[in-house]
Amino acid sequence: MRTPKYGRRIRKLAEAAIEQKRASYECPKCGKKKVRRKSFSLWECRSCGTRFAGGAYTFSTGAGVTSLRLIKEYSKE
């Protein structure tokens, strides 16, 4: 396996990204913990087959969470 060079901090960040990429996430549609990364920023639930767009290495990004919160707030008004 190839590892990044030149420093402990870079190796830790790379390892954390790889762990997040390989993890299973909860499906917003069916609720099961079956969402896995299909390709770059594409995620698919292995239970219900629904596909989602998300982050490159995580299912949801900080910007995505913020935008969803703002959309919910504006839709209440």
N, C-alpha and C. Protein backbone atom coordinates (compact mmCIF):
# COMPACT_ATOMS: atom_id res chain seq x y z
N MET A 1 0.84 -1.18 0.00
CA MET A 1 0.00 0.00 0.00
C MET A 1 0.88 1.24 0.00
N ARG A 2 0.52 2.20 -0.80
CA ARG A 2 1.29 3.44 -0.87
C ARG A 2 0.88 4.35 0.27
N THR A 3 1.86 4.94 0.88
CA THR A 3 1.59 5.89 1.96
C THR A 3 2.18 7.23 1.59
N PRO A 4 1.57 8.30 2.07
CA PRO A 4 2.14 9.62 1.81
C PRO A 4 3.46 9.81 2.56
N LYS A 5 4.33 10.58 1.99
CA LYS A 5 5.64 10.83 2.59
C LYS A 5 5.63 12.14 3.37
N TYR A 6 6.75 12.39 4.00
CA TYR A 6 7.10 13.70 4.54
C TYR A 6 6.24 14.16 5.70
N GLY A 7 6.13 13.35 6.71
CA GLY A 7 5.58 13.87 7.94
C GLY A 7 4.44 13.05 8.53
N ARG A 8 4.40 13.08 9.84
CA ARG A 8 3.41 12.33 10.58
C ARG A 8 2.02 12.89 10.37
N ARG A 9 1.89 14.21 10.34
CA ARG A 9 0.58 14.85 10.20
C ARG A 9 -0.10 14.47 8.89
N ILE A 10 0.64 14.47 7.81
CA ILE A 10 0.09 14.11 6.50
C ILE A 10 -0.33 12.65 6.49
N ARG A 11 0.47 11.78 7.10
CA ARG A 11 0.11 10.36 7.15
C ARG A 11 -1.15 10.15 7.96
N LYS A 12 -1.31 10.88 9.07
CA LYS A 12 -2.52 10.77 9.89
C LYS A 12 -3.75 11.26 9.14
N LEU A 13 -3.64 12.38 8.43
CA LEU A 13 -4.76 12.90 7.66
C LEU A 13 -5.16 11.95 6.54
N ALA A 14 -4.17 11.37 5.88
CA ALA A 14 -4.46 10.43 4.80
C ALA A 14 -5.13 9.17 5.34
N GLU A 15 -4.68 8.67 6.46
CA GLU A 15 -5.28 7.48 7.06
C GLU A 15 -6.71 7.74 7.51
N ALA A 16 -6.97 8.92 8.06
CA ALA A 16 -8.33 9.28 8.47
C ALA A 16 -9.27 9.36 7.26
N ALA A 17 -8.78 9.91 6.16
CA ALA A 17 -9.60 10.00 4.95
C ALA A 17 -9.91 8.62 4.39
N ILE A 18 -8.94 7.72 4.43
CA ILE A 18 -9.16 6.37 3.92
C ILE A 18 -10.16 5.63 4.80
N GLU A 19 -10.08 5.80 6.12
CA GLU A 19 -11.04 5.16 7.02
C GLU A 19 -12.45 5.68 6.79
N GLN A 20 -12.60 6.98 6.58
CA GLN A 20 -13.92 7.55 6.31
C GLN A 20 -14.46 7.05 4.98
N LYS A 21 -13.61 6.87 4.02
CA LYS A 21 -14.02 6.40 2.70
C LYS A 21 -14.55 4.97 2.77
N ARG A 22 -13.92 4.14 3.56
CA ARG A 22 -14.28 2.72 3.64
C ARG A 22 -15.41 2.44 4.63
N ALA A 23 -15.82 3.40 5.42
CA ALA A 23 -16.84 3.19 6.44
C ALA A 23 -18.22 3.05 5.81
N SER A 24 -19.14 2.45 6.56
CA SER A 24 -20.55 2.36 6.16
C SER A 24 -21.31 3.48 6.86
N TYR A 25 -22.25 4.07 6.14
CA TYR A 25 -23.04 5.16 6.68
C TYR A 25 -24.52 4.79 6.66
N GLU A 26 -25.32 5.49 7.45
CA GLU A 26 -26.74 5.21 7.53
C GLU A 26 -27.47 5.83 6.34
N CYS A 27 -28.36 5.05 5.75
CA CYS A 27 -29.12 5.51 4.59
C CYS A 27 -30.25 6.44 5.04
N PRO A 28 -30.36 7.63 4.46
CA PRO A 28 -31.44 8.54 4.83
C PRO A 28 -32.81 8.05 4.40
N LYS A 29 -32.85 7.16 3.43
CA LYS A 29 -34.13 6.68 2.91
C LYS A 29 -34.67 5.49 3.70
N CYS A 30 -33.87 4.44 3.85
CA CYS A 30 -34.36 3.23 4.52
C CYS A 30 -33.90 3.11 5.97
N GLY A 31 -32.88 3.87 6.37
CA GLY A 31 -32.44 3.87 7.76
C GLY A 31 -31.41 2.81 8.11
N LYS A 32 -31.05 1.95 7.18
CA LYS A 32 -30.07 0.91 7.46
C LYS A 32 -28.66 1.45 7.26
N LYS A 33 -27.71 0.84 7.94
CA LYS A 33 -26.32 1.27 7.83
C LYS A 33 -25.65 0.50 6.70
N LYS A 34 -26.05 0.82 5.46
CA LYS A 34 -25.59 0.08 4.30
C LYS A 34 -25.05 0.98 3.19
N VAL A 35 -24.87 2.25 3.43
CA VAL A 35 -24.39 3.16 2.38
C VAL A 35 -22.87 3.04 2.28
N ARG A 36 -22.40 2.72 1.07
CA ARG A 36 -20.97 2.58 0.82
C ARG A 36 -20.59 3.44 -0.38
N ARG A 37 -19.34 3.78 -0.49
CA ARG A 37 -18.85 4.61 -1.58
C ARG A 37 -18.79 3.79 -2.87
N LYS A 38 -19.43 4.28 -3.90
CA LYS A 38 -19.44 3.62 -5.21
C LYS A 38 -18.27 4.12 -6.06
N SER A 39 -18.14 5.42 -6.17
CA SER A 39 -17.03 6.04 -6.88
C SER A 39 -16.85 7.43 -6.28
N PHE A 40 -16.05 8.25 -6.94
CA PHE A 40 -15.75 9.58 -6.42
C PHE A 40 -17.04 10.37 -6.19
N SER A 41 -17.35 10.67 -4.96
CA SER A 41 -18.52 11.43 -4.49
C SER A 41 -19.86 10.80 -4.84
N LEU A 42 -19.90 9.52 -5.21
CA LEU A 42 -21.15 8.79 -5.40
C LEU A 42 -21.24 7.70 -4.35
N TRP A 43 -22.38 7.68 -3.66
CA TRP A 43 -22.62 6.74 -2.58
C TRP A 43 -23.88 5.95 -2.89
N GLU A 44 -23.90 4.67 -2.56
CA GLU A 44 -25.05 3.83 -2.89
C GLU A 44 -25.42 2.97 -1.68
N CYS A 45 -26.72 2.87 -1.43
CA CYS A 45 -27.22 2.01 -0.36
C CYS A 45 -27.30 0.59 -0.90
N ARG A 46 -26.70 -0.34 -0.21
CA ARG A 46 -26.71 -1.72 -0.65
C ARG A 46 -28.01 -2.42 -0.34
N SER A 47 -28.84 -1.81 0.48
CA SER A 47 -30.13 -2.41 0.83
C SER A 47 -31.22 -2.00 -0.14
N CYS A 48 -31.45 -0.69 -0.30
CA CYS A 48 -32.54 -0.22 -1.15
C CYS A 48 -32.08 0.22 -2.53
N GLY A 49 -30.77 0.32 -2.77
CA GLY A 49 -30.25 0.64 -4.09
C GLY A 49 -30.27 2.12 -4.44
N THR A 50 -30.62 2.99 -3.51
CA THR A 50 -30.66 4.42 -3.78
C THR A 50 -29.25 4.98 -3.86
N ARG A 51 -29.04 5.88 -4.81
CA ARG A 51 -27.74 6.52 -4.96
C ARG A 51 -27.81 7.95 -4.47
N PHE A 52 -26.71 8.40 -3.88
CA PHE A 52 -26.62 9.74 -3.33
C PHE A 52 -25.34 10.41 -3.81
N ALA A 53 -25.38 11.73 -3.90
CA ALA A 53 -24.18 12.51 -4.14
C ALA A 53 -23.72 13.06 -2.80
N GLY A 54 -22.44 12.94 -2.53
CA GLY A 54 -21.91 13.40 -1.26
C GLY A 54 -20.51 13.89 -1.42
N GLY A 55 -19.76 13.79 -0.37
CA GLY A 55 -18.38 14.22 -0.41
C GLY A 55 -17.50 13.17 -1.07
N ALA A 56 -16.27 13.53 -1.33
CA ALA A 56 -15.34 12.61 -1.97
C ALA A 56 -14.97 11.46 -1.03
N TYR A 57 -14.77 11.75 0.24
CA TYR A 57 -14.34 10.73 1.18
C TYR A 57 -15.33 10.50 2.31
N THR A 58 -16.31 11.38 2.50
CA THR A 58 -17.34 11.19 3.51
C THR A 58 -18.71 11.33 2.86
N PHE A 59 -19.70 10.73 3.49
CA PHE A 59 -21.05 10.74 2.93
C PHE A 59 -21.64 12.14 2.92
N SER A 60 -21.38 12.91 3.95
CA SER A 60 -21.88 14.29 3.98
C SER A 60 -20.74 15.22 4.36
N THR A 61 -20.71 16.38 3.74
CA THR A 61 -19.67 17.36 4.02
C THR A 61 -20.21 18.44 4.95
N GLY A 62 -19.32 19.24 5.48
CA GLY A 62 -19.73 20.34 6.35
C GLY A 62 -20.59 21.35 5.62
N ALA A 63 -20.23 21.66 4.38
CA ALA A 63 -21.01 22.60 3.59
C ALA A 63 -22.39 22.03 3.27
N GLY A 64 -22.46 20.73 3.02
CA GLY A 64 -23.75 20.11 2.73
C GLY A 64 -24.68 20.12 3.93
N VAL A 65 -24.14 19.87 5.11
CA VAL A 65 -24.94 19.89 6.33
C VAL A 65 -25.46 21.30 6.58
N THR A 66 -24.62 22.30 6.38
CA THR A 66 -25.03 23.69 6.58
C THR A 66 -26.12 24.09 5.59
N SER A 67 -25.97 23.70 4.34
CA SER A 67 -26.98 24.07 3.34
C SER A 67 -28.30 23.38 3.61
N LEU A 68 -28.30 22.12 4.06
CA LEU A 68 -29.55 21.44 4.40
C LEU A 68 -30.25 22.13 5.56
N ARG A 69 -29.46 22.56 6.55
CA ARG A 69 -30.04 23.26 7.70
C ARG A 69 -30.69 24.58 7.26
N LEU A 70 -30.01 25.32 6.39
CA LEU A 70 -30.56 26.59 5.90
C LEU A 70 -31.81 26.37 5.07
N ILE A 71 -31.83 25.33 4.25
CA ILE A 71 -33.02 25.04 3.44
C ILE A 71 -34.21 24.71 4.34
N LYS A 72 -33.98 23.95 5.40
CA LYS A 72 -35.06 23.62 6.33
C LYS A 72 -35.59 24.88 7.03
N GLU A 73 -34.67 25.75 7.42
CA GLU A 73 -35.10 26.99 8.10
C GLU A 73 -35.92 27.87 7.18
N TYR A 74 -35.50 28.01 5.93
CA TYR A 74 -36.22 28.87 4.99
C TYR A 74 -37.54 28.25 4.55
N SER A 75 -37.64 26.94 4.53
CA SER A 75 -38.88 26.31 4.12
C SER A 75 -39.95 26.41 5.21
N LYS A 76 -39.57 26.63 6.46
CA LYS A 76 -40.53 26.80 7.55
C LYS A 76 -41.26 28.14 7.42
N GLU A 77 -40.59 29.13 6.88
CA GLU A 77 -41.17 30.47 6.79
C GLU A 77 -42.14 30.61 5.66
